Amino acid sequence: MERRVRVRFAPSPTGPLHIGGVRTALYNYLFARQHGGDMILRIEDTDSTRFVPGAEEYINEALQWLGIGIDEGVREGGNYGPYKQSERRDLYRKYTQQLIDAGKAYYAFDTPEELEAKRQEIKNFQYDARTRGMMRNSLSLPADEVKALMDKGEKWVVRFRIEPDQDVVVHDLLRGDVTINSSILDDKVLYKSADDLPTYHLANIVDDHLMEVHARICPPAAAAQTRRQGQTEQARR
């Protein structure tokens, strides 16, 4: 049985909808309509420091003015809501805890000052299997000390535990099989106690899975830009 096409456009309410976002939304909308599928609008508002009041309303109104119809979203409702990430905290906590229990993630208590000091000390520093033992986290600290920090209300983040020197192969429709060695990846932050919100790295995956999104159409030019951004980020490390 063929799966129903479900695509999503997931902007952040950090400002007006720009032309690049419009292009991505249009590609997804046309793909959904071509295949008789669903177009989902998900608001990814987990970056609380960059939130702009009124931006969500602007995004909805801009898409409506452009004639890009939304089948499921904050305004439209649907069977996979809520469609705003800040209202899905319980789900993210659940999956974060699953990763911790499985040994796939861990708590880290490093302050911004400690992280910056380590960046100054180590050229191209990244938080990974080589450096996590130097830092303050639940892999390097005794269990009783970790518990004491948690009980005291110390701020923490949950980081994904990347195992080094493993080849990860993904199939890209444009580039074919792409192999990435895990040693170039850092232990991404998945959840933050400071604002009780996940980061993109966790929320995006959880939501696409639970909302049964199985296609995200990215225009070739946008895909190229994404690759360039990834290459730039890697160069900085």
Protein backbone atom coordinates (compact mmCIF):
# COMPACT_ATOMS: atom_id res chain seq x y z
CA MET A 1 0.00 0.00 0.00
CA GLU A 2 1.41 3.40 -1.00
CA ARG A 3 1.92 5.94 1.74
CA ARG A 4 0.06 9.21 1.41
CA VAL A 5 2.38 12.08 0.55
CA ARG A 6 2.83 14.38 3.55
CA VAL A 7 5.19 17.35 3.26
CA ARG A 8 5.81 20.21 5.62
CA PHE A 9 6.98 23.79 5.69
CA ALA A 10 8.41 24.60 9.11
CA PRO A 11 9.47 28.24 9.49
CA SER A 12 10.69 29.88 12.69
CA PRO A 13 8.85 33.01 13.89
CA THR A 14 12.06 35.04 14.01
CA GLY A 15 11.01 37.67 11.46
CA PRO A 16 9.11 38.19 8.20
CA LEU A 17 8.81 35.34 5.73
CA HIS A 18 11.63 35.82 3.19
CA ILE A 19 11.73 34.82 -0.46
CA GLY A 20 13.80 31.69 0.22
CA GLY A 21 11.16 30.43 2.61
CA VAL A 22 8.41 31.24 0.11
CA ARG A 23 10.22 29.22 -2.54
CA THR A 24 10.59 26.20 -0.26
CA ALA A 25 6.92 26.43 0.77
CA LEU A 26 5.86 26.66 -2.88
CA TYR A 27 7.87 23.58 -3.92
CA ASN A 28 6.36 21.56 -1.06
CA TYR A 29 2.84 22.81 -1.80
CA LEU A 30 3.08 21.94 -5.52
CA PHE A 31 4.55 18.52 -4.74
CA ALA A 32 1.72 17.77 -2.29
CA ARG A 33 -0.95 18.87 -4.76
CA GLN A 34 0.64 16.92 -7.62
CA HIS A 35 0.44 13.71 -5.59
CA GLY A 36 -2.86 14.36 -3.83
CA GLY A 37 -1.09 14.70 -0.50
CA ASP A 38 -1.10 17.00 2.52
CA MET A 39 0.72 20.28 3.12
CA ILE A 40 1.60 20.86 6.78
CA LEU A 41 2.64 24.16 8.36
CA ARG A 42 4.61 23.63 11.55
CA ILE A 43 5.86 26.58 13.59
CA GLU A 44 9.33 25.86 14.96
CA ASP A 45 9.48 28.38 17.81
CA THR A 46 12.10 26.71 20.01
CA ASP A 47 14.67 29.52 19.57
CA SER A 48 13.22 31.73 22.30
CA THR A 49 16.08 34.27 22.10
CA ARG A 50 15.20 35.20 18.49
CA PHE A 51 11.41 35.16 18.75
CA VAL A 52 9.73 38.17 17.09
CA PRO A 53 6.16 39.02 18.21
CA GLY A 54 3.74 38.96 15.29
CA ALA A 55 6.00 36.88 13.04
CA GLU A 56 3.79 33.79 13.20
CA GLU A 57 0.73 35.78 12.11
CA TYR A 58 2.76 37.34 9.30
CA ILE A 59 3.83 33.89 8.04
CA ASN A 60 0.23 32.64 7.98
CA GLU A 61 -1.05 35.76 6.24
CA ALA A 62 1.78 35.74 3.68
CA LEU A 63 1.11 32.12 2.71
CA GLN A 64 -2.60 32.84 2.44
CA TRP A 65 -1.96 35.89 0.23
CA LEU A 66 0.31 33.78 -1.99
CA GLY A 67 -2.40 31.14 -2.43
CA ILE A 68 -0.33 28.40 -0.77
CA GLY A 69 -3.02 26.29 0.88
CA ILE A 70 -2.31 24.62 4.21
CA ASP A 71 -4.06 21.37 5.11
CA GLU A 72 -2.79 21.07 8.70
CA GLY A 73 -1.40 23.74 10.99
CA VAL A 74 -1.91 25.95 14.02
CA ARG A 75 -4.91 27.69 12.43
CA GLU A 76 -6.26 24.71 10.49
CA GLY A 77 -5.85 22.05 13.17
CA GLY A 78 -5.39 18.38 12.31
CA ASN A 79 -4.83 14.94 13.80
CA TYR A 80 -1.11 15.41 14.49
CA GLY A 81 -1.10 18.58 16.60
CA PRO A 82 -0.12 20.68 18.33
CA TYR A 83 1.56 22.26 15.33
CA LYS A 84 3.63 24.70 17.37
CA GLN A 85 6.78 23.22 18.88
CA SER A 86 6.60 25.18 22.13
CA GLU A 87 3.36 23.30 22.84
CA ARG A 88 4.97 19.87 22.35
CA ARG A 89 7.40 19.90 25.28
CA ASP A 90 6.08 16.69 26.86
CA LEU A 91 6.85 14.77 23.68
CA TYR A 92 10.38 16.10 23.48
CA ARG A 93 11.04 15.34 27.15
CA LYS A 94 9.81 11.77 26.60
CA TYR A 95 12.14 11.11 23.67
CA THR A 96 15.06 12.89 25.34
CA GLN A 97 14.69 10.60 28.36
CA GLN A 98 14.55 7.56 26.08
CA LEU A 99 17.88 8.56 24.55
CA ILE A 100 19.44 9.11 27.98
CA ASP A 101 18.16 5.76 29.28
CA ALA A 102 19.56 4.02 26.20
CA GLY A 103 23.00 5.62 26.66
CA LYS A 104 22.59 7.62 23.46
CA ALA A 105 22.57 11.00 25.19
CA TYR A 106 23.91 12.57 28.38
CA TYR A 107 23.65 15.63 30.63
CA ALA A 108 26.24 18.39 30.34
CA PHE A 109 26.68 21.20 32.89
CA ASP A 110 29.33 23.33 31.19
CA THR A 111 28.72 27.07 31.44
CA PRO A 112 29.08 29.37 28.41
CA GLU A 113 32.26 30.72 30.00
CA GLU A 114 33.74 27.23 30.39
CA LEU A 115 32.94 26.39 26.79
CA GLU A 116 34.49 29.62 25.53
CA ALA A 117 37.63 28.99 27.59
CA LYS A 118 37.97 25.55 26.03
CA ARG A 119 37.56 27.04 22.55
CA GLN A 120 40.41 29.42 23.31
CA GLU A 121 42.53 26.58 24.66
CA ILE A 122 41.94 24.05 21.87
CA LYS A 123 42.07 25.06 18.21
CA ASN A 124 38.91 24.03 16.32
CA PHE A 125 37.40 22.71 19.54
CA GLN A 126 34.25 20.66 19.27
CA TYR A 127 32.40 18.80 22.01
CA ASP A 128 32.90 15.16 21.04
CA ALA A 129 34.37 11.80 22.06
CA ARG A 130 37.87 13.30 22.21
CA THR A 131 37.00 16.23 24.46
CA ARG A 132 33.88 15.29 26.46
CA GLY A 133 36.08 13.70 29.16
CA MET A 134 37.60 17.14 29.86
CA MET A 135 34.19 18.72 30.40
CA ARG A 136 31.55 18.65 33.14
CA ASN A 137 28.98 16.07 32.11
CA SER A 138 27.33 12.87 33.26
CA LEU A 139 29.92 10.78 31.40
CA SER A 140 32.90 12.38 33.12
CA LEU A 141 31.49 13.09 36.60
CA PRO A 142 30.60 10.58 39.34
CA ALA A 143 26.89 9.73 39.52
CA ASP A 144 26.49 11.28 42.98
CA GLU A 145 27.97 14.57 41.76
CA VAL A 146 25.62 14.58 38.76
CA LYS A 147 22.67 14.02 41.10
CA ALA A 148 23.84 16.82 43.39
CA LEU A 149 24.07 19.24 40.46
CA MET A 150 20.59 18.29 39.28
CA ASP A 151 19.11 18.58 42.79
CA LYS A 152 20.73 22.01 43.21
CA GLY A 153 19.02 23.23 40.05
CA GLU A 154 22.22 23.67 38.06
CA LYS A 155 21.48 24.51 34.44
CA TRP A 156 22.11 21.66 32.04
CA VAL A 157 21.75 20.62 28.44
CA VAL A 158 21.31 17.14 27.01
CA ARG A 159 23.83 16.24 24.30
CA PHE A 160 23.61 13.46 21.74
CA ARG A 161 26.40 10.94 22.22
CA ILE A 162 28.20 10.50 18.89
CA GLU A 163 30.30 7.35 18.62
CA PRO A 164 33.55 8.16 16.77
CA ASP A 165 34.90 6.76 13.51
CA GLN A 166 31.69 5.31 12.14
CA ASP A 167 30.60 5.81 8.54
CA VAL A 168 27.05 7.09 8.21
CA VAL A 169 25.56 6.63 4.73
CA VAL A 170 22.51 8.59 3.61
CA HIS A 171 20.85 8.50 0.21
CA ASP A 172 20.23 11.92 -1.33
CA LEU A 173 17.95 12.23 -4.36
CA LEU A 174 20.33 14.68 -6.02
CA ARG A 175 23.74 13.47 -4.87
CA GLY A 176 23.17 9.74 -4.46
CA ASP A 177 24.81 7.94 -1.52
CA VAL A 178 26.65 10.36 0.75
CA THR A 179 29.06 9.00 3.37
CA ILE A 180 29.88 11.01 6.48
CA ASN A 181 32.36 9.86 9.10
CA SER A 182 31.01 10.43 12.59
CA SER A 183 34.33 11.75 13.87
CA ILE A 184 33.69 15.09 12.18
CA LEU A 185 30.42 15.51 14.09
CA ASP A 186 30.06 17.08 17.51
CA ASP A 187 27.73 16.03 20.33
CA LYS A 188 24.80 18.25 19.40
CA VAL A 189 22.67 19.83 22.11
CA LEU A 190 19.20 18.27 22.09
CA TYR A 191 17.48 19.88 25.06
CA LYS A 192 18.09 22.88 27.35
CA SER A 193 16.90 23.30 30.92
CA ALA A 194 17.31 27.08 30.71
CA ASP A 195 14.12 27.49 28.66
CA ASP A 196 12.78 23.93 28.91
CA LEU A 197 12.86 23.60 25.13
CA PRO A 198 14.53 21.28 22.63
CA THR A 199 16.83 22.38 19.87
CA TYR A 200 16.16 21.90 16.17
CA HIS A 201 18.28 18.74 16.16
CA LEU A 202 15.77 16.88 18.34
CA ALA A 203 12.44 18.62 17.71
CA ASN A 204 12.63 18.42 13.93
CA ILE A 205 13.25 14.65 13.92
CA VAL A 206 10.62 13.87 16.57
CA ASP A 207 7.97 15.94 14.80
CA ASP A 208 8.64 14.59 11.32
CA HIS A 209 8.38 11.07 12.75
CA LEU A 210 5.20 11.63 14.76
CA MET A 211 3.51 13.70 12.07
CA GLU A 212 4.38 10.99 9.51
CA VAL A 213 6.18 13.46 7.27
CA HIS A 214 8.23 11.45 4.81
CA ALA A 215 9.17 14.05 2.22
CA ARG A 216 10.59 17.54 2.41
CA ILE A 217 11.16 19.16 -0.93
CA CYS A 218 14.10 21.53 -1.06
CA PRO A 219 14.68 23.55 -4.27
CA PRO A 220 18.06 22.78 -5.89
CA ALA A 221 19.40 26.28 -5.22
CA ALA A 222 18.32 26.04 -1.59
CA ALA A 223 19.88 22.60 -1.34
CA ALA A 224 23.15 24.01 -2.66
CA GLN A 225 22.98 26.81 -0.11
CA THR A 226 22.38 24.28 2.67
CA ARG A 227 25.45 22.31 1.54
CA ARG A 228 27.55 25.49 1.50
CA GLN A 229 26.39 26.38 5.00
CA GLY A 230 27.30 22.90 6.20
CA GLN A 231 30.74 23.16 4.60
CA THR A 232 31.30 26.58 6.19
CA GLU A 233 30.26 25.30 9.61
CA GLN A 234 32.63 22.35 9.27
CA ALA A 235 35.49 24.64 8.26
CA ARG A 236 34.96 26.72 11.38
CA ARG A 237 35.45 23.67 13.57
